[in-house]
């Protein structure tokens, strides 16, 4: 009697052949949406740090409840933008960040001076 036929284990297929057969391979690195979220989080974090520094400098020169209110609201807004970006609402976060920064600069330039 002959020995049963043994099949050799097949080697994994070539990844370039998988692409030709229509199979999708995972991307390397983060997706564009994830990069956008990280960029908005970084921008809001930097703006939050800058607002905290300016708040301390403004309070050193003059103490006013209005100064604390303007920069306090900007800090809260930056925290909200970070949370929105973390949840994937990057466009809304970008608009809020731009509007909040413009409002804080307007208040600092015209109202607090």
PDB file of N, CA and C in Angstrom:
ATOM      1  N   UNK A   1       0.817  -1.147   0.000  1.00  0.00           N
ATOM      2  CA  UNK A   1       0.000   0.000   0.000  1.00  0.00           C
ATOM      3  C   UNK A   1       0.878   1.233   0.000  1.00  0.00           C
ATOM      4  N   UNK A   2       0.385   2.205  -0.664  1.00  0.00           N
ATOM      5  CA  UNK A   2       1.158   3.443  -0.763  1.00  0.00           C
ATOM      6  C   UNK A   2       0.828   4.352   0.412  1.00  0.00           C
ATOM      7  N   UNK A   3       1.763   5.195   0.703  1.00  0.00           N
ATOM      8  CA  UNK A   3       1.567   6.147   1.816  1.00  0.00           C
ATOM      9  C   UNK A   3       0.547   7.195   1.397  1.00  0.00           C
ATOM     10  N   UNK A   4      -0.257   7.644   2.359  1.00  0.00           N
ATOM     11  CA  UNK A   4      -1.248   8.667   1.993  1.00  0.00           C
ATOM     12  C   UNK A   4      -0.542   9.930   1.496  1.00  0.00           C
ATOM     13  N   UNK A   5      -1.200  10.555   0.557  1.00  0.00           N
ATOM     14  CA  UNK A   5      -0.608  11.765  -0.010  1.00  0.00           C
ATOM     15  C   UNK A   5      -0.616  12.875   1.030  1.00  0.00           C
ATOM     16  N   UNK A   6       0.505  13.472   1.173  1.00  0.00           N
ATOM     17  CA  UNK A   6       0.615  14.588   2.110  1.00  0.00           C
ATOM     18  C   UNK A   6       0.712  15.875   1.301  1.00  0.00           C
ATOM     19  N   UNK A   7      -0.075  16.820   1.699  1.00  0.00           N
ATOM     20  CA  UNK A   7       0.002  18.108   1.006  1.00  0.00           C
ATOM     21  C   UNK A   7       0.923  19.021   1.795  1.00  0.00           C
ATOM     22  N   UNK A   8       1.699  19.735   1.080  1.00  0.00           N
ATOM     23  CA  UNK A   8       2.598  20.680   1.730  1.00  0.00           C
ATOM     24  C   UNK A   8       1.806  21.923   2.119  1.00  0.00           C
ATOM     25  N   UNK A   9       2.121  22.471   3.279  1.00  0.00           N
ATOM     26  CA  UNK A   9       1.424  23.704   3.649  1.00  0.00           C
ATOM     27  C   UNK A   9       1.782  24.810   2.668  1.00  0.00           C
ATOM     28  N   UNK A  10       0.784  25.555   2.305  1.00  0.00           N
ATOM     29  CA  UNK A  10       1.032  26.618   1.334  1.00  0.00           C
ATOM     30  C   UNK A  10       1.568  27.842   2.054  1.00  0.00           C
ATOM     31  N   UNK A  11       2.458  28.497   1.408  1.00  0.00           N
ATOM     32  CA  UNK A  11       3.034  29.724   1.948  1.00  0.00           C
ATOM     33  C   UNK A  11       2.019  30.852   1.787  1.00  0.00           C
ATOM     34  N   UNK A  12       2.084  31.846   2.655  1.00  0.00           N
ATOM     35  CA  UNK A  12       1.161  32.974   2.498  1.00  0.00           C
ATOM     36  C   UNK A  12       1.355  33.620   1.134  1.00  0.00           C
ATOM     37  N   UNK A  13       0.267  34.069   0.604  1.00  0.00           N
ATOM     38  CA  UNK A  13       0.337  34.641  -0.739  1.00  0.00           C
ATOM     39  C   UNK A  13       1.036  35.990  -0.707  1.00  0.00           C
ATOM     40  N   UNK A  14       1.489  36.389  -1.845  1.00  0.00           N
ATOM     41  CA  UNK A  14       2.190  37.648  -2.020  1.00  0.00           C
ATOM     42  C   UNK A  14       1.187  38.799  -1.855  1.00  0.00           C
ATOM     43  N   UNK A  15       1.491  39.846  -1.033  1.00  0.00           N
ATOM     44  CA  UNK A  15       0.527  40.927  -0.837  1.00  0.00           C
ATOM     45  C   UNK A  15       0.191  41.675  -2.118  1.00  0.00           C
ATOM     46  N   UNK A  16       1.101  41.686  -3.060  1.00  0.00           N
ATOM     47  CA  UNK A  16       0.784  42.375  -4.313  1.00  0.00           C
ATOM     48  C   UNK A  16      -0.258  41.594  -5.093  1.00  0.00           C
ATOM     49  N   UNK A  17      -0.262  40.265  -4.945  1.00  0.00           N
ATOM     50  CA  UNK A  17      -1.268  39.467  -5.625  1.00  0.00           C
ATOM     51  C   UNK A  17      -2.633  39.664  -4.970  1.00  0.00           C
ATOM     52  N   UNK A  18      -2.652  39.872  -3.641  1.00  0.00           N
ATOM     53  CA  UNK A  18      -3.922  40.132  -2.964  1.00  0.00           C
ATOM     54  C   UNK A  18      -4.566  41.404  -3.492  1.00  0.00           C
ATOM     55  N   UNK A  19      -3.754  42.420  -3.732  1.00  0.00           N
ATOM     56  CA  UNK A  19      -4.291  43.668  -4.263  1.00  0.00           C
ATOM     57  C   UNK A  19      -4.871  43.457  -5.655  1.00  0.00           C
ATOM     58  N   UNK A  20      -4.239  42.594  -6.416  1.00  0.00           N
ATOM     59  CA  UNK A  20      -4.731  42.341  -7.768  1.00  0.00           C
ATOM     60  C   UNK A  20      -6.033  41.561  -7.745  1.00  0.00           C
ATOM     61  N   UNK A  21      -6.252  40.770  -6.699  1.00  0.00           N
ATOM     62  CA  UNK A  21      -7.458  39.968  -6.611  1.00  0.00           C
ATOM     63  C   UNK A  21      -8.623  40.744  -6.009  1.00  0.00           C
ATOM     64  N   UNK A  22      -8.399  41.971  -5.610  1.00  0.00           N
ATOM     65  CA  UNK A  22      -9.487  42.802  -5.110  1.00  0.00           C
ATOM     66  C   UNK A  22      -9.612  42.822  -3.609  1.00  0.00           C
ATOM     67  N   UNK A  23      -8.724  42.166  -2.880  1.00  0.00           N
ATOM     68  CA  UNK A  23      -8.783  42.204  -1.432  1.00  0.00           C
ATOM     69  C   UNK A  23      -8.184  43.509  -0.941  1.00  0.00           C
ATOM     70  N   UNK A  24      -8.768  44.042   0.086  1.00  0.00           N
ATOM     71  CA  UNK A  24      -8.313  45.321   0.614  1.00  0.00           C
ATOM     72  C   UNK A  24      -7.334  45.064   1.743  1.00  0.00           C
ATOM     73  N   UNK A  25      -6.201  45.733   1.703  1.00  0.00           N
ATOM     74  CA  UNK A  25      -5.227  45.628   2.776  1.00  0.00           C
ATOM     75  C   UNK A  25      -5.352  46.866   3.656  1.00  0.00           C
ATOM     76  N   UNK A  26      -5.118  46.721   4.947  1.00  0.00           N
ATOM     77  CA  UNK A  26      -5.244  47.887   5.837  1.00  0.00           C
ATOM     78  C   UNK A  26      -4.183  48.929   5.526  1.00  0.00           C
ATOM     79  N   UNK A  27      -4.544  50.206   5.768  1.00  0.00           N
ATOM     80  CA  UNK A  27      -3.615  51.297   5.527  1.00  0.00           C
ATOM     81  C   UNK A  27      -2.571  51.346   6.627  1.00  0.00           C
ATOM     82  N   UNK A  28      -1.424  51.863   6.281  1.00  0.00           N
ATOM     83  CA  UNK A  28      -0.399  52.088   7.286  1.00  0.00           C
ATOM     84  C   UNK A  28      -0.600  53.473   7.877  1.00  0.00           C
ATOM     85  N   UNK A  29      -0.589  53.579   9.188  1.00  0.00           N
ATOM     86  CA  UNK A  29      -0.708  54.869   9.841  1.00  0.00           C
ATOM     87  C   UNK A  29      -2.153  55.305  10.027  1.00  0.00           C
ATOM     88  N   UNK A  30      -2.315  56.487  10.627  1.00  0.00           N
ATOM     89  CA  UNK A  30      -3.668  56.976  10.899  1.00  0.00           C
ATOM     90  C   UNK A  30      -4.383  57.447   9.641  1.00  0.00           C
ATOM     91  N   UNK A  31      -5.680  57.437   9.693  1.00  0.00           N
ATOM     92  CA  UNK A  31      -6.488  57.897   8.568  1.00  0.00           C
ATOM     93  C   UNK A  31      -6.459  59.421   8.521  1.00  0.00           C
ATOM     94  N   UNK A  32      -6.879  60.016   7.411  1.00  0.00           N
ATOM     95  CA  UNK A  32      -6.914  61.485   7.352  1.00  0.00           C
ATOM     96  C   UNK A  32      -7.822  62.098   8.412  1.00  0.00           C
ATOM     97  N   UNK A  33      -8.907  61.446   8.745  1.00  0.00           N
ATOM     98  CA  UNK A  33      -9.798  61.961   9.789  1.00  0.00           C
ATOM     99  C   UNK A  33      -9.106  61.958  11.146  1.00  0.00           C
ATOM    100  N   UNK A  34      -8.350  60.913  11.427  1.00  0.00           N
ATOM    101  CA  UNK A  34      -7.629  60.850  12.703  1.00  0.00           C
ATOM    102  C   UNK A  34      -6.540  61.916  12.764  1.00  0.00           C
ATOM    103  N   UNK A  35      -5.884  62.158  11.637  1.00  0.00           N
ATOM    104  CA  UNK A  35      -4.879  63.226  11.606  1.00  0.00           C
ATOM    105  C   UNK A  35      -5.526  64.586  11.820  1.00  0.00           C
ATOM    106  N   UNK A  36      -6.703  64.802  11.254  1.00  0.00           N
ATOM    107  CA  UNK A  36      -7.416  66.072  11.437  1.00  0.00           C
ATOM    108  C   UNK A  36      -7.814  66.248  12.899  1.00  0.00           C
ATOM    109  N   UNK A  37      -8.286  65.178  13.532  1.00  0.00           N
ATOM    110  CA  UNK A  37      -8.647  65.264  14.948  1.00  0.00           C
ATOM    111  C   UNK A  37      -7.437  65.623  15.792  1.00  0.00           C
ATOM    112  N   UNK A  38      -6.321  64.977  15.523  1.00  0.00           N
ATOM    113  CA  UNK A  38      -5.106  65.258  16.292  1.00  0.00           C
ATOM    114  C   UNK A  38      -4.629  66.685  16.069  1.00  0.00           C
ATOM    115  N   UNK A  39      -4.747  67.183  14.844  1.00  0.00           N
ATOM    116  CA  UNK A  39      -4.327  68.564  14.560  1.00  0.00           C
ATOM    117  C   UNK A  39      -5.205  69.562  15.299  1.00  0.00           C
ATOM    118  N   UNK A  40      -6.519  69.333  15.341  1.00  0.00           N
ATOM    119  CA  UNK A  40      -7.412  70.246  16.055  1.00  0.00           C
ATOM    120  C   UNK A  40      -7.166  70.197  17.557  1.00  0.00           C
ATOM    121  N   UNK A  41      -6.901  69.013  18.069  1.00  0.00           N
ATOM    122  CA  UNK A  41      -6.612  68.883  19.495  1.00  0.00           C
ATOM    123  C   UNK A  41      -5.318  69.612  19.835  1.00  0.00           C
ATOM    124  N   UNK A  42      -4.304  69.468  18.993  1.00  0.00           N
ATOM    125  CA  UNK A  42      -3.036  70.161  19.229  1.00  0.00           C
ATOM    126  C   UNK A  42      -3.206  71.675  19.145  1.00  0.00           C
ATOM    127  N   UNK A  43      -3.967  72.148  18.161  1.00  0.00           N
ATOM    128  CA  UNK A  43      -4.183  73.590  18.011  1.00  0.00           C
ATOM    129  C   UNK A  43      -4.941  74.154  19.209  1.00  0.00           C
ATOM    130  N   UNK A  44      -5.977  73.462  19.649  1.00  0.00           N
ATOM    131  CA  UNK A  44      -6.746  73.931  20.802  1.00  0.00           C
ATOM    132  C   UNK A  44      -5.907  73.880  22.077  1.00  0.00           C
ATOM    133  N   UNK A  45      -5.053  72.889  22.212  1.00  0.00           N
ATOM    134  CA  UNK A  45      -4.189  72.795  23.391  1.00  0.00           C
ATOM    135  C   UNK A  45      -3.176  73.933  23.419  1.00  0.00           C
ATOM    136  N   UNK A  46      -2.592  74.247  22.262  1.00  0.00           N
ATOM    137  CA  UNK A  46      -1.646  75.363  22.197  1.00  0.00           C
ATOM    138  C   UNK A  46      -2.341  76.690  22.490  1.00  0.00           C
ATOM    139  N   UNK A  47      -3.529  76.874  21.947  1.00  0.00           N
ATOM    140  CA  UNK A  47      -4.276  78.100  22.212  1.00  0.00           C
ATOM    141  C   UNK A  47      -4.667  78.184  23.683  1.00  0.00           C
ATOM    142  N   UNK A  48      -4.985  77.053  24.285  1.00  0.00           N
ATOM    143  CA  UNK A  48      -5.333  77.044  25.704  1.00  0.00           C
ATOM    144  C   UNK A  48      -4.128  77.452  26.552  1.00  0.00           C
ATOM    145  N   UNK A  49      -2.960  76.944  26.211  1.00  0.00           N
ATOM    146  CA  UNK A  49      -1.753  77.311  26.949  1.00  0.00           C
ATOM    147  C   UNK A  49      -1.433  78.792  26.757  1.00  0.00           C
ATOM    148  N   UNK A  50      -1.579  79.289  25.539  1.00  0.00           N
ATOM    149  CA  UNK A  50      -1.319  80.701  25.274  1.00  0.00           C
ATOM    150  C   UNK A  50      -2.311  81.588  26.015  1.00  0.00           C
ATOM    151  N   UNK A  51      -3.572  81.200  26.056  1.00  0.00           N
ATOM    152  CA  UNK A  51      -4.585  81.977  26.769  1.00  0.00           C
ATOM    153  C   UNK A  51      -4.291  82.001  28.265  1.00  0.00           C
ATOM    154  N   UNK A  52      -3.803  80.909  28.805  1.00  0.00           N
ATOM    155  CA  UNK A  52      -3.472  80.875  30.228  1.00  0.00           C
ATOM    156  C   UNK A  52      -2.303  81.810  30.531  1.00  0.00           C
ATOM    157  N   UNK A  53      -1.301  81.839  29.663  1.00  0.00           N
ATOM    158  CA  UNK A  53      -0.156  82.735  29.855  1.00  0.00           C
ATOM    159  C   UNK A  53      -0.602  84.193  29.768  1.00  0.00           C
ATOM    160  N   UNK A  54      -1.418  84.519  28.764  1.00  0.00           N
ATOM    161  CA  UNK A  54      -1.901  85.895  28.613  1.00  0.00           C
ATOM    162  C   UNK A  54      -2.777  86.288  29.798  1.00  0.00           C
ATOM    163  N   UNK A  55      -3.575  85.360  30.280  1.00  0.00           N
ATOM    164  CA  UNK A  55      -4.410  85.646  31.450  1.00  0.00           C
ATOM    165  C   UNK A  55      -3.555  86.012  32.648  1.00  0.00           C
ATOM    166  N   UNK A  56      -2.495  85.259  32.887  1.00  0.00           N
ATOM    167  CA  UNK A  56      -1.607  85.548  34.010  1.00  0.00           C
ATOM    168  C   UNK A  56      -0.931  86.906  33.817  1.00  0.00           C
ATOM    169  N   UNK A  57      -0.477  87.197  32.594  1.00  0.00           N
ATOM    170  CA  UNK A  57       0.169  88.481  32.335  1.00  0.00           C
ATOM    171  C   UNK A  57      -0.806  89.647  32.496  1.00  0.00           C
ATOM    172  N   UNK A  58      -2.042  89.487  32.013  1.00  0.00           N
ATOM    173  CA  UNK A  58      -3.040  90.560  32.153  1.00  0.00           C
ATOM    174  C   UNK A  58      -3.416  90.772  33.620  1.00  0.00           C
ATOM    175  N   UNK A  59      -3.516  89.707  34.377  1.00  0.00           N
ATOM    176  CA  UNK A  59      -3.858  89.847  35.789  1.00  0.00           C
ATOM    177  C   UNK A  59      -2.714  90.476  36.578  1.00  0.00           C
ATOM    178  N   UNK A  60      -1.474  90.288  36.126  1.00  0.00           N
ATOM    179  CA  UNK A  60      -0.334  90.911  36.797  1.00  0.00           C
ATOM    180  C   UNK A  60      -0.346  92.421  36.589  1.00  0.00           C
ATOM    181  N   UNK A  61      -0.788  92.870  35.403  1.00  0.00           N
ATOM    182  CA  UNK A  61      -0.796  94.305  35.124  1.00  0.00           C
ATOM    183  C   UNK A  61      -2.021  94.989  35.714  1.00  0.00           C
ATOM    184  N   UNK A  62      -3.167  94.364  35.637  1.00  0.00           N
ATOM    185  CA  UNK A  62      -4.381  94.922  36.232  1.00  0.00           C
ATOM    186  C   UNK A  62      -5.345  93.767  36.532  1.00  0.00           C
ATOM    187  N   UNK A  63      -5.984  93.876  37.651  1.00  0.00           N
ATOM    188  CA  UNK A  63      -6.931  92.823  38.007  1.00  0.00           C
ATOM    189  C   UNK A  63      -8.336  93.309  37.686  1.00  0.00           C
ATOM    190  N   UNK A  64      -9.000  92.562  36.883  1.00  0.00           N
ATOM    191  CA  UNK A  64     -10.351  92.913  36.483  1.00  0.00           C
ATOM    192  C   UNK A  64     -11.148  91.630  36.296  1.00  0.00           C
ATOM    193  N   UNK A  65     -12.383  91.703  36.679  1.00  0.00           N
ATOM    194  CA  UNK A  65     -13.257  90.547  36.490  1.00  0.00           C
ATOM    195  C   UNK A  65     -13.494  90.308  35.003  1.00  0.00           C
ATOM    196  N   UNK A  66     -13.494  91.369  34.216  1.00  0.00           N
ATOM    197  CA  UNK A  66     -13.706  91.240  32.779  1.00  0.00           C
ATOM    198  C   UNK A  66     -12.559  90.486  32.110  1.00  0.00           C
ATOM    199  N   UNK A  67     -11.325  90.728  32.570  1.00  0.00           N
ATOM    200  CA  UNK A  67     -10.170  90.008  32.028  1.00  0.00           C
ATOM    201  C   UNK A  67     -10.301  88.516  32.326  1.00  0.00           C
ATOM    202  N   UNK A  68     -10.639  88.204  33.558  1.00  0.00           N
ATOM    203  CA  UNK A  68     -10.813  86.801  33.946  1.00  0.00           C
ATOM    204  C   UNK A  68     -11.960  86.179  33.153  1.00  0.00           C
ATOM    205  N   UNK A  69     -13.014  86.943  32.945  1.00  0.00           N
ATOM    206  CA  UNK A  69     -14.162  86.425  32.192  1.00  0.00           C
ATOM    207  C   UNK A  69     -13.816  86.121  30.745  1.00  0.00           C
ATOM    208  N   UNK A  70     -13.121  87.054  30.080  1.00  0.00           N
ATOM    209  CA  UNK A  70     -12.789  86.856  28.658  1.00  0.00           C
ATOM    210  C   UNK A  70     -11.868  85.667  28.480  1.00  0.00           C
ATOM    211  N   UNK A  71     -10.774  85.640  29.234  1.00  0.00           N
ATOM    212  CA  UNK A  71      -9.815  84.549  29.056  1.00  0.00           C
ATOM    213  C   UNK A  71     -10.297  83.250  29.681  1.00  0.00           C
ATOM    214  N   UNK A  72     -11.112  83.342  30.705  1.00  0.00           N
ATOM    215  CA  UNK A  72     -11.719  82.132  31.269  1.00  0.00           C
ATOM    216  C   UNK A  72     -12.659  81.463  30.278  1.00  0.00           C
ATOM    217  N   UNK A  73     -13.464  82.282  29.590  1.00  0.00           N
ATOM    218  CA  UNK A  73     -14.349  81.716  28.563  1.00  0.00           C
ATOM    219  C   UNK A  73     -13.552  81.123  27.401  1.00  0.00           C
ATOM    220  N   UNK A  74     -12.433  81.762  27.046  1.00  0.00           N
ATOM    221  CA  UNK A  74     -11.593  81.199  25.987  1.00  0.00           C
ATOM    222  C   UNK A  74     -10.995  79.861  26.413  1.00  0.00           C
ATOM    223  N   UNK A  75     -10.593  79.761  27.667  1.00  0.00           N
ATOM    224  CA  UNK A  75     -10.071  78.479  28.161  1.00  0.00           C
ATOM    225  C   UNK A  75     -11.151  77.400  28.143  1.00  0.00           C
ATOM    226  N   UNK A  76     -12.344  77.754  28.553  1.00  0.00           N
ATOM    227  CA  UNK A  76     -13.452  76.788  28.524  1.00  0.00           C
ATOM    228  C   UNK A  76     -13.770  76.380  27.094  1.00  0.00           C
ATOM    229  N   UNK A  77     -13.755  77.355  26.185  1.00  0.00           N
ATOM    230  CA  UNK A  77     -14.020  77.056  24.777  1.00  0.00           C
ATOM    231  C   UNK A  77     -12.964  76.114  24.199  1.00  0.00           C
ATOM    232  N   UNK A  78     -11.706  76.342  24.554  1.00  0.00           N
ATOM    233  CA  UNK A  78     -10.638  75.449  24.071  1.00  0.00           C
ATOM    234  C   UNK A  78     -10.839  74.026  24.587  1.00  0.00           C
ATOM    235  N   UNK A  79     -11.233  73.907  25.827  1.00  0.00           N
ATOM    236  CA  UNK A  79     -11.526  72.572  26.371  1.00  0.00           C
ATOM    237  C   UNK A  79     -12.683  71.913  25.648  1.00  0.00           C
ATOM    238  N   UNK A  80     -13.703  72.699  25.322  1.00  0.00           N
ATOM    239  CA  UNK A  80     -14.830  72.162  24.555  1.00  0.00           C
ATOM    240  C   UNK A  80     -14.428  71.734  23.154  1.00  0.00           C
ATOM    241  N   UNK A  81     -13.548  72.498  22.532  1.00  0.00           N
ATOM    242  CA  UNK A  81     -13.071  72.137  21.191  1.00  0.00           C
ATOM    243  C   UNK A  81     -12.250  70.854  21.244  1.00  0.00           C
ATOM    244  N   UNK A  82     -11.461  70.697  22.269  1.00  0.00           N
ATOM    245  CA  UNK A  82     -10.688  69.455  22.422  1.00  0.00           C
ATOM    246  C   UNK A  82     -11.640  68.264  22.542  1.00  0.00           C
ATOM    247  N   UNK A  83     -12.681  68.419  23.329  1.00  0.00           N
ATOM    248  CA  UNK A  83     -13.641  67.324  23.487  1.00  0.00           C
ATOM    249  C   UNK A  83     -14.403  67.062  22.188  1.00  0.00           C
ATOM    250  N   UNK A  84     -14.802  68.113  21.484  1.00  0.00           N
ATOM    251  CA  UNK A  84     -15.480  67.919  20.197  1.00  0.00           C
ATOM    252  C   UNK A  84     -14.573  67.210  19.199  1.00  0.00           C
ATOM    253  N   UNK A  85     -13.310  67.603  19.155  1.00  0.00           N
ATOM    254  CA  UNK A  85     -12.368  66.967  18.236  1.00  0.00           C
ATOM    255  C   UNK A  85     -12.137  65.509  18.611  1.00  0.00           C
ATOM    256  N   UNK A  86     -12.096  65.238  19.895  1.00  0.00           N
ATOM    257  CA  UNK A  86     -11.911  63.853  20.338  1.00  0.00           C
ATOM    258  C   UNK A  86     -13.079  62.978  19.908  1.00  0.00           C
ATOM    259  N   UNK A  87     -14.268  63.560  19.861  1.00  0.00           N
ATOM    260  CA  UNK A  87     -15.458  62.806  19.450  1.00  0.00           C
ATOM    261  C   UNK A  87     -15.685  62.818  17.944  1.00  0.00           C
ATOM    262  N   UNK A  88     -14.824  63.491  17.193  1.00  0.00           N
ATOM    263  CA  UNK A  88     -14.915  63.457  15.739  1.00  0.00           C
ATOM    264  C   UNK A  88     -15.645  64.626  15.117  1.00  0.00           C
ATOM    265  N   UNK A  89     -16.002  65.637  15.873  1.00  0.00           N
ATOM    266  CA  UNK A  89     -16.713  66.813  15.342  1.00  0.00           C
ATOM    267  C   UNK A  89     -15.707  67.913  15.043  1.00  0.00           C
ATOM    268  N   UNK A  90     -14.768  67.641  14.109  1.00  0.00           N
ATOM    269  CA  UNK A  90     -13.656  68.555  13.881  1.00  0.00           C
ATOM    270  C   UNK A  90     -14.078  69.841  13.190  1.00  0.00           C
ATOM    271  N   UNK A  91     -15.037  69.781  12.276  1.00  0.00           N
ATOM    272  CA  UNK A  91     -15.456  71.016  11.603  1.00  0.00           C
ATOM    273  C   UNK A  91     -16.108  71.979  12.581  1.00  0.00           C
ATOM    274  N   UNK A  92     -17.002  71.467  13.401  1.00  0.00           N
ATOM    275  CA  UNK A  92     -17.650  72.307  14.395  1.00  0.00           C
ATOM    276  C   UNK A  92     -16.622  72.867  15.370  1.00  0.00           C
ATOM    277  N   UNK A  93     -15.676  72.036  15.765  1.00  0.00           N
ATOM    278  CA  UNK A  93     -14.621  72.484  16.666  1.00  0.00           C
ATOM    279  C   UNK A  93     -13.766  73.574  16.051  1.00  0.00           C
ATOM    280  N   UNK A  94     -13.478  73.439  14.763  1.00  0.00           N
ATOM    281  CA  UNK A  94     -12.671  74.451  14.077  1.00  0.00           C
ATOM    282  C   UNK A  94     -13.406  75.783  14.019  1.00  0.00           C
ATOM    283  N   UNK A  95     -14.683  75.746  13.683  1.00  0.00           N
ATOM    284  CA  UNK A  95     -15.473  76.983  13.624  1.00  0.00           C
ATOM    285  C   UNK A  95     -15.563  77.633  15.001  1.00  0.00           C
ATOM    286  N   UNK A  96     -15.810  76.846  16.030  1.00  0.00           N
ATOM    287  CA  UNK A  96     -15.892  77.404  17.374  1.00  0.00           C
ATOM    288  C   UNK A  96     -14.560  77.974  17.838  1.00  0.00           C
ATOM    289  N   UNK A  97     -13.481  77.297  17.502  1.00  0.00           N
ATOM    290  CA  UNK A  97     -12.157  77.779  17.879  1.00  0.00           C
ATOM    291  C   UNK A  97     -11.847  79.105  17.192  1.00  0.00           C
ATOM    292  N   UNK A  98     -12.154  79.205  15.916  1.00  0.00           N
ATOM    293  CA  UNK A  98     -11.906  80.444  15.176  1.00  0.00           C
ATOM    294  C   UNK A  98     -12.782  81.579  15.699  1.00  0.00           C
ATOM    295  N   UNK A  99     -14.056  81.295  15.934  1.00  0.00           N
ATOM    296  CA  UNK A  99     -14.960  82.332  16.433  1.00  0.00           C
ATOM    297  C   UNK A  99     -14.573  82.768  17.845  1.00  0.00           C
ATOM    298  N   UNK A 100     -14.205  81.838  18.684  1.00  0.00           N
ATOM    299  CA  UNK A 100     -13.795  82.173  20.048  1.00  0.00           C
ATOM    300  C   UNK A 100     -12.519  82.976  20.087  1.00  0.00           C
ATOM    301  N   UNK A 101     -11.568  82.621  19.236  1.00  0.00           N
ATOM    302  CA  UNK A 101     -10.318  83.371  19.179  1.00  0.00           C
ATOM    303  C   UNK A 101     -10.558  84.787  18.673  1.00  0.00           C
ATOM    304  N   UNK A 102     -11.397  84.926  17.644  1.00  0.00           N
ATOM    305  CA  UNK A 102     -11.716  86.255  17.113  1.00  0.00           C
ATOM    306  C   UNK A 102     -12.426  87.100  18.171  1.00  0.00           C
ATOM    307  N   UNK A 103     -13.352  86.505  18.895  1.00  0.00           N
ATOM    308  CA  UNK A 103     -14.068  87.242  19.939  1.00  0.00           C
ATOM    309  C   UNK A 103     -13.135  87.650  21.074  1.00  0.00           C
ATOM    310  N   UNK A 104     -12.231  86.760  21.471  1.00  0.00           N
ATOM    311  CA  UNK A 104     -11.296  87.091  22.546  1.00  0.00           C
ATOM    312  C   UNK A 104     -10.335  88.193  22.109  1.00  0.00           C
ATOM    313  N   UNK A 105      -9.858  88.130  20.878  1.00  0.00           N
ATOM    314  CA  UNK A 105      -8.974  89.185  20.386  1.00  0.00           C
ATOM    315  C   UNK A 105      -9.704  90.517  20.293  1.00  0.00           C
ATOM    316  N   UNK A 106     -10.961  90.491  19.863  1.00  0.00           N
ATOM    317  CA  UNK A 106     -11.758  91.715  19.798  1.00  0.00           C
ATOM    318  C   UNK A 106     -11.954  92.292  21.198  1.00  0.00           C
ATOM    319  N   UNK A 107     -12.315  91.448  22.135  1.00  0.00           N
ATOM    320  CA  UNK A 107     -12.533  91.909  23.507  1.00  0.00           C
ATOM    321  C   UNK A 107     -11.231  92.448  24.112  1.00  0.00           C
ATOM    322  N   UNK A 108     -10.122  91.787  23.842  1.00  0.00           N
ATOM    323  CA  UNK A 108      -8.841  92.230  24.379  1.00  0.00           C
ATOM    324  C   UNK A 108      -8.414  93.553  23.759  1.00  0.00           C
ATOM    325  N   UNK A 109      -8.646  93.699  22.470  1.00  0.00           N
ATOM    326  CA  UNK A 109      -8.188  94.904  21.781  1.00  0.00           C
ATOM    327  C   UNK A 109      -9.044  96.126  22.027  1.00  0.00           C
ATOM    328  N   UNK A 110     -10.347  95.964  22.091  1.00  0.00           N
ATOM    329  CA  UNK A 110     -11.222  97.126  22.145  1.00  0.00           C
ATOM    330  C   UNK A 110     -11.893  97.333  23.501  1.00  0.00           C
ATOM    331  N   UNK A 111     -12.255  96.279  24.155  1.00  0.00           N
ATOM    332  CA  UNK A 111     -13.014  96.425  25.404  1.00  0.00           C
ATOM    333  C   UNK A 111     -12.083  96.533  26.612  1.00  0.00           C
ATOM    334  N   UNK A 112     -11.053  95.676  26.663  1.00  0.00           N
ATOM    335  CA  UNK A 112     -10.184  95.663  27.835  1.00  0.00           C
ATOM    336  C   UNK A 112      -9.141  96.780  27.821  1.00  0.00           C
ATOM    337  N   UNK A 113      -8.885  97.383  26.681  1.00  0.00           N
ATOM    338  CA  UNK A 113      -7.842  98.422  26.590  1.00  0.00           C
ATOM    339  C   UNK A 113      -8.313  99.754  27.120  1.00  0.00           C
TER     340      UNK A 113
END
